[in-house]
Amino acid sequence: MAGLLADQLSYSLSLAGQKMKERRRTIPPKLKLVSATISDAIDEARRIKELSIQEEVLVEWTK
C-alpha cells in the first residue's frame, strides 16, 4: 500500500514538474523582456563588484 502511494505521489510530482516547464516556455513576451533586463542588471552588478575588488587589491598592493 505504501509503495502504491509513493508511486502515485512520484507520478503527481512528475506531472507538476512538466507543467512548470510548459509554463516557463510560455512566458509572455513582456515578462521575458523584464526578466532579461533583470538578468543583465545582475550580470552588470557582478562585473562592478569584481572590478571593485580588483581595484581594492591594486590599491593595497601599491601601498
PDB file of N, CA and C in Angstrom:
ATOM      1  N   MET A   1       0.820  -1.194   0.000  1.00  0.00           N
ATOM      2  CA  MET A   1       0.000   0.000   0.000  1.00  0.00           C
ATOM      3  C   MET A   1       0.867   1.262   0.000  1.00  0.00           C
ATOM      4  N   ALA A   2       1.894   1.265   0.854  1.00  0.00           N
ATOM      5  CA  ALA A   2       2.767   2.436   0.923  1.00  0.00           C
ATOM      6  C   ALA A   2       3.506   2.634  -0.394  1.00  0.00           C
ATOM      7  N   GLY A   3       3.878   1.524  -1.031  1.00  0.00           N
ATOM      8  CA  GLY A   3       4.569   1.612  -2.313  1.00  0.00           C
ATOM      9  C   GLY A   3       3.687   2.236  -3.382  1.00  0.00           C
ATOM     10  N   LEU A   4       2.411   1.884  -3.359  1.00  0.00           N
ATOM     11  CA  LEU A   4       1.461   2.435  -4.327  1.00  0.00           C
ATOM     12  C   LEU A   4       1.292   3.939  -4.112  1.00  0.00           C
ATOM     13  N   LEU A   5       1.180   4.348  -2.840  1.00  0.00           N
ATOM     14  CA  LEU A   5       1.055   5.779  -2.544  1.00  0.00           C
ATOM     15  C   LEU A   5       2.302   6.540  -2.968  1.00  0.00           C
ATOM     16  N   ALA A   6       3.459   5.948  -2.735  1.00  0.00           N
ATOM     17  CA  ALA A   6       4.711   6.593  -3.136  1.00  0.00           C
ATOM     18  C   ALA A   6       4.777   6.737  -4.647  1.00  0.00           C
ATOM     19  N   ASP A   7       4.336   5.704  -5.368  1.00  0.00           N
ATOM     20  CA  ASP A   7       4.332   5.766  -6.831  1.00  0.00           C
ATOM     21  C   ASP A   7       3.383   6.850  -7.334  1.00  0.00           C
ATOM     22  N   GLN A   8       2.204   6.939  -6.707  1.00  0.00           N
ATOM     23  CA  GLN A   8       1.233   7.956  -7.115  1.00  0.00           C
ATOM     24  C   GLN A   8       1.768   9.358  -6.837  1.00  0.00           C
ATOM     25  N   LEU A   9       2.410   9.534  -5.684  1.00  0.00           N
ATOM     26  CA  LEU A   9       2.988  10.828  -5.339  1.00  0.00           C
ATOM     27  C   LEU A   9       4.091  11.194  -6.321  1.00  0.00           C
ATOM     28  N   SER A  10       4.930  10.223  -6.639  1.00  0.00           N
ATOM     29  CA  SER A  10       6.018  10.460  -7.586  1.00  0.00           C
ATOM     30  C   SER A  10       5.463  10.864  -8.949  1.00  0.00           C
ATOM     31  N   TYR A  11       4.410  10.176  -9.392  1.00  0.00           N
ATOM     32  CA  TYR A  11       3.784  10.488 -10.672  1.00  0.00           C
ATOM     33  C   TYR A  11       3.192  11.894 -10.651  1.00  0.00           C
ATOM     34  N   SER A  12       2.523  12.253  -9.543  1.00  0.00           N
ATOM     35  CA  SER A  12       1.926  13.587  -9.419  1.00  0.00           C
ATOM     36  C   SER A  12       2.992  14.669  -9.464  1.00  0.00           C
ATOM     37  N   LEU A  13       4.106  14.439  -8.760  1.00  0.00           N
ATOM     38  CA  LEU A  13       5.193  15.411  -8.771  1.00  0.00           C
ATOM     39  C   LEU A  13       5.801  15.537 -10.162  1.00  0.00           C
ATOM     40  N   SER A  14       5.872  14.413 -10.873  1.00  0.00           N
ATOM     41  CA  SER A  14       6.405  14.433 -12.236  1.00  0.00           C
ATOM     42  C   SER A  14       5.513  15.285 -13.141  1.00  0.00           C
ATOM     43  N   LEU A  15       4.205  15.108 -13.010  1.00  0.00           N
ATOM     44  CA  LEU A  15       3.269  15.910 -13.806  1.00  0.00           C
ATOM     45  C   LEU A  15       3.376  17.384 -13.452  1.00  0.00           C
ATOM     46  N   ALA A  16       3.510  17.688 -12.170  1.00  0.00           N
ATOM     47  CA  ALA A  16       3.641  19.081 -11.744  1.00  0.00           C
ATOM     48  C   ALA A  16       4.903  19.692 -12.334  1.00  0.00           C
ATOM     49  N   GLY A  17       5.993  18.930 -12.356  1.00  0.00           N
ATOM     50  CA  GLY A  17       7.241  19.415 -12.941  1.00  0.00           C
ATOM     51  C   GLY A  17       7.094  19.694 -14.423  1.00  0.00           C
ATOM     52  N   GLN A  18       6.365  18.824 -15.120  1.00  0.00           N
ATOM     53  CA  GLN A  18       6.148  19.029 -16.555  1.00  0.00           C
ATOM     54  C   GLN A  18       5.333  20.295 -16.799  1.00  0.00           C
ATOM     55  N   LYS A  19       4.331  20.528 -15.964  1.00  0.00           N
ATOM     56  CA  LYS A  19       3.502  21.724 -16.126  1.00  0.00           C
ATOM     57  C   LYS A  19       4.323  22.986 -15.891  1.00  0.00           C
ATOM     58  N   MET A  20       5.223  22.944 -14.904  1.00  0.00           N
ATOM     59  CA  MET A  20       6.083  24.102 -14.646  1.00  0.00           C
ATOM     60  C   MET A  20       6.968  24.379 -15.858  1.00  0.00           C
ATOM     61  N   LYS A  21       7.516  23.324 -16.455  1.00  0.00           N
ATOM     62  CA  LYS A  21       8.371  23.504 -17.632  1.00  0.00           C
ATOM     63  C   LYS A  21       7.572  24.114 -18.779  1.00  0.00           C
ATOM     64  N   GLU A  22       6.331  23.649 -18.951  1.00  0.00           N
ATOM     65  CA  GLU A  22       5.487  24.200 -20.008  1.00  0.00           C
ATOM     66  C   GLU A  22       5.214  25.681 -19.759  1.00  0.00           C
ATOM     67  N   ARG A  23       4.961  26.051 -18.504  1.00  0.00           N
ATOM     68  CA  ARG A  23       4.695  27.450 -18.187  1.00  0.00           C
ATOM     69  C   ARG A  23       5.916  28.310 -18.452  1.00  0.00           C
ATOM     70  N   ARG A  24       7.095  27.772 -18.170  1.00  0.00           N
ATOM     71  CA  ARG A  24       8.316  28.540 -18.419  1.00  0.00           C
ATOM     72  C   ARG A  24       8.478  28.831 -19.900  1.00  0.00           C
ATOM     73  N   ARG A  25       8.073  27.898 -20.727  1.00  0.00           N
ATOM     74  CA  ARG A  25       8.200  28.094 -22.178  1.00  0.00           C
ATOM     75  C   ARG A  25       7.194  29.108 -22.695  1.00  0.00           C
ATOM     76  N   THR A  26       6.103  29.286 -21.977  1.00  0.00           N
ATOM     77  CA  THR A  26       5.034  30.159 -22.466  1.00  0.00           C
ATOM     78  C   THR A  26       4.995  31.485 -21.703  1.00  0.00           C
ATOM     79  N   ILE A  27       6.153  31.962 -21.289  1.00  0.00           N
ATOM     80  CA  ILE A  27       6.222  33.251 -20.599  1.00  0.00           C
ATOM     81  C   ILE A  27       5.862  34.354 -21.595  1.00  0.00           C
ATOM     82  N   PRO A  28       4.991  35.267 -21.197  1.00  0.00           N
ATOM     83  CA  PRO A  28       4.615  36.361 -22.098  1.00  0.00           C
ATOM     84  C   PRO A  28       5.837  37.192 -22.504  1.00  0.00           C
ATOM     85  N   PRO A  29       5.835  37.742 -23.712  1.00  0.00           N
ATOM     86  CA  PRO A  29       6.989  38.498 -24.212  1.00  0.00           C
ATOM     87  C   PRO A  29       7.424  39.650 -23.303  1.00  0.00           C
ATOM     88  N   LYS A  30       6.472  40.377 -22.728  1.00  0.00           N
ATOM     89  CA  LYS A  30       6.852  41.493 -21.852  1.00  0.00           C
ATOM     90  C   LYS A  30       7.580  40.984 -20.615  1.00  0.00           C
ATOM     91  N   LEU A  31       7.122  39.861 -20.078  1.00  0.00           N
ATOM     92  CA  LEU A  31       7.771  39.289 -18.900  1.00  0.00           C
ATOM     93  C   LEU A  31       9.163  38.783 -19.255  1.00  0.00           C
ATOM     94  N   LYS A  32       9.315  38.224 -20.454  1.00  0.00           N
ATOM     95  CA  LYS A  32      10.642  37.792 -20.903  1.00  0.00           C
ATOM     96  C   LYS A  32      11.585  38.983 -20.990  1.00  0.00           C
ATOM     97  N   LEU A  33      11.082  40.101 -21.492  1.00  0.00           N
ATOM     98  CA  LEU A  33      11.891  41.313 -21.613  1.00  0.00           C
ATOM     99  C   LEU A  33      12.329  41.808 -20.238  1.00  0.00           C
ATOM    100  N   VAL A  34      11.400  41.827 -19.293  1.00  0.00           N
ATOM    101  CA  VAL A  34      11.725  42.254 -17.929  1.00  0.00           C
ATOM    102  C   VAL A  34      12.737  41.297 -17.314  1.00  0.00           C
ATOM    103  N   SER A  35      12.524  40.009 -17.517  1.00  0.00           N
ATOM    104  CA  SER A  35      13.435  39.004 -16.972  1.00  0.00           C
ATOM    105  C   SER A  35      14.836  39.171 -17.548  1.00  0.00           C
ATOM    106  N   ALA A  36      14.921  39.411 -18.839  1.00  0.00           N
ATOM    107  CA  ALA A  36      16.226  39.605 -19.483  1.00  0.00           C
ATOM    108  C   ALA A  36      16.901  40.867 -18.956  1.00  0.00           C
ATOM    109  N   THR A  37      16.127  41.922 -18.747  1.00  0.00           N
ATOM    110  CA  THR A  37      16.676  43.173 -18.218  1.00  0.00           C
ATOM    111  C   THR A  37      17.212  42.972 -16.808  1.00  0.00           C
ATOM    112  N   ILE A  38      16.475  42.240 -15.996  1.00  0.00           N
ATOM    113  CA  ILE A  38      16.930  41.953 -14.630  1.00  0.00           C
ATOM    114  C   ILE A  38      18.204  41.119 -14.658  1.00  0.00           C
ATOM    115  N   SER A  39      18.250  40.123 -15.527  1.00  0.00           N
ATOM    116  CA  SER A  39      19.455  39.289 -15.646  1.00  0.00           C
ATOM    117  C   SER A  39      20.659  40.127 -16.064  1.00  0.00           C
ATOM    118  N   ASP A  40      20.445  41.038 -17.000  1.00  0.00           N
ATOM    119  CA  ASP A  40      21.532  41.927 -17.433  1.00  0.00           C
ATOM    120  C   ASP A  40      22.016  42.806 -16.284  1.00  0.00           C
ATOM    121  N   ALA A  41      21.078  43.314 -15.494  1.00  0.00           N
ATOM    122  CA  ALA A  41      21.445  44.164 -14.356  1.00  0.00           C
ATOM    123  C   ALA A  41      22.232  43.375 -13.314  1.00  0.00           C
ATOM    124  N   ILE A  42      21.837  42.139 -13.081  1.00  0.00           N
ATOM    125  CA  ILE A  42      22.565  41.290 -12.131  1.00  0.00           C
ATOM    126  C   ILE A  42      23.975  41.025 -12.636  1.00  0.00           C
ATOM    127  N   ASP A  43      24.106  40.721 -13.925  1.00  0.00           N
ATOM    128  CA  ASP A  43      25.437  40.491 -14.503  1.00  0.00           C
ATOM    129  C   ASP A  43      26.307  41.737 -14.382  1.00  0.00           C
ATOM    130  N   GLU A  44      25.730  42.896 -14.653  1.00  0.00           N
ATOM    131  CA  GLU A  44      26.477  44.155 -14.545  1.00  0.00           C
ATOM    132  C   GLU A  44      26.916  44.400 -13.102  1.00  0.00           C
ATOM    133  N   ALA A  45      26.037  44.116 -12.154  1.00  0.00           N
ATOM    134  CA  ALA A  45      26.391  44.284 -10.735  1.00  0.00           C
ATOM    135  C   ALA A  45      27.545  43.361 -10.353  1.00  0.00           C
ATOM    136  N   ARG A  46      27.534  42.148 -10.877  1.00  0.00           N
ATOM    137  CA  ARG A  46      28.641  41.215 -10.598  1.00  0.00           C
ATOM    138  C   ARG A  46      29.953  41.741 -11.173  1.00  0.00           C
ATOM    139  N   ARG A  47      29.894  42.286 -12.391  1.00  0.00           N
ATOM    140  CA  ARG A  47      31.109  42.847 -13.004  1.00  0.00           C
ATOM    141  C   ARG A  47      31.633  44.023 -12.186  1.00  0.00           C
ATOM    142  N   ILE A  48      30.733  44.887 -11.755  1.00  0.00           N
ATOM    143  CA  ILE A  48      31.140  46.047 -10.953  1.00  0.00           C
ATOM    144  C   ILE A  48      31.754  45.587  -9.638  1.00  0.00           C
ATOM    145  N   LYS A  49      31.151  44.598  -9.016  1.00  0.00           N
ATOM    146  CA  LYS A  49      31.687  44.072  -7.754  1.00  0.00           C
ATOM    147  C   LYS A  49      33.090  43.522  -7.962  1.00  0.00           C
ATOM    148  N   GLU A  50      33.273  42.753  -9.035  1.00  0.00           N
ATOM    149  CA  GLU A  50      34.591  42.174  -9.327  1.00  0.00           C
ATOM    150  C   GLU A  50      35.623  43.275  -9.585  1.00  0.00           C
ATOM    151  N   LEU A  51      35.243  44.292 -10.344  1.00  0.00           N
ATOM    152  CA  LEU A  51      36.165  45.402 -10.599  1.00  0.00           C
ATOM    153  C   LEU A  51      36.505  46.154  -9.320  1.00  0.00           C
ATOM    154  N   SER A  52      35.528  46.315  -8.445  1.00  0.00           N
ATOM    155  CA  SER A  52      35.780  46.988  -7.165  1.00  0.00           C
ATOM    156  C   SER A  52      36.778  46.202  -6.329  1.00  0.00           C
ATOM    157  N   ILE A  53      36.621  44.891  -6.310  1.00  0.00           N
ATOM    158  CA  ILE A  53      37.556  44.041  -5.565  1.00  0.00           C
ATOM    159  C   ILE A  53      38.950  44.157  -6.165  1.00  0.00           C
ATOM    160  N   GLN A  54      39.039  44.114  -7.491  1.00  0.00           N
ATOM    161  CA  GLN A  54      40.343  44.233  -8.146  1.00  0.00           C
ATOM    162  C   GLN A  54      40.982  45.584  -7.836  1.00  0.00           C
ATOM    163  N   GLU A  55      40.168  46.631  -7.830  1.00  0.00           N
ATOM    164  CA  GLU A  55      40.684  47.965  -7.529  1.00  0.00           C
ATOM    165  C   GLU A  55      41.219  48.024  -6.095  1.00  0.00           C
ATOM    166  N   GLU A  56      40.489  47.435  -5.154  1.00  0.00           N
ATOM    167  CA  GLU A  56      40.948  47.407  -3.763  1.00  0.00           C
ATOM    168  C   GLU A  56      42.275  46.667  -3.640  1.00  0.00           C
ATOM    169  N   VAL A  57      42.405  45.568  -4.352  1.00  0.00           N
ATOM    170  CA  VAL A  57      43.645  44.791  -4.315  1.00  0.00           C
ATOM    171  C   VAL A  57      44.794  45.625  -4.861  1.00  0.00           C
ATOM    172  N   LEU A  58      44.567  46.322  -5.967  1.00  0.00           N
ATOM    173  CA  LEU A  58      45.625  47.156  -6.546  1.00  0.00           C
ATOM    174  C   LEU A  58      46.037  48.283  -5.602  1.00  0.00           C
ATOM    175  N   VAL A  59      45.068  48.900  -4.955  1.00  0.00           N
ATOM    176  CA  VAL A  59      45.372  49.984  -4.020  1.00  0.00           C
ATOM    177  C   VAL A  59      46.218  49.448  -2.870  1.00  0.00           C
ATOM    178  N   GLU A  60      45.841  48.303  -2.332  1.00  0.00           N
ATOM    179  CA  GLU A  60      46.611  47.717  -1.229  1.00  0.00           C
ATOM    180  C   GLU A  60      47.999  47.284  -1.700  1.00  0.00           C
ATOM    181  N   TRP A  61      48.066  46.777  -2.905  1.00  0.00           N
ATOM    182  CA  TRP A  61      49.330  46.268  -3.442  1.00  0.00           C
ATOM    183  C   TRP A  61      50.328  47.400  -3.695  1.00  0.00           C
ATOM    184  N   THR A  62      49.819  48.565  -4.094  1.00  0.00           N
ATOM    185  CA  THR A  62      50.706  49.689  -4.407  1.00  0.00           C
ATOM    186  C   THR A  62      51.135  50.477  -3.171  1.00  0.00           C
ATOM    187  N   LYS A  63      50.605  50.160  -2.023  1.00  0.00           N
ATOM    188  CA  LYS A  63      50.988  50.880  -0.791  1.00  0.00           C
ATOM    189  C   LYS A  63      52.384  50.514  -0.365  1.00  0.00           C
TER     190      LYS A  63
END
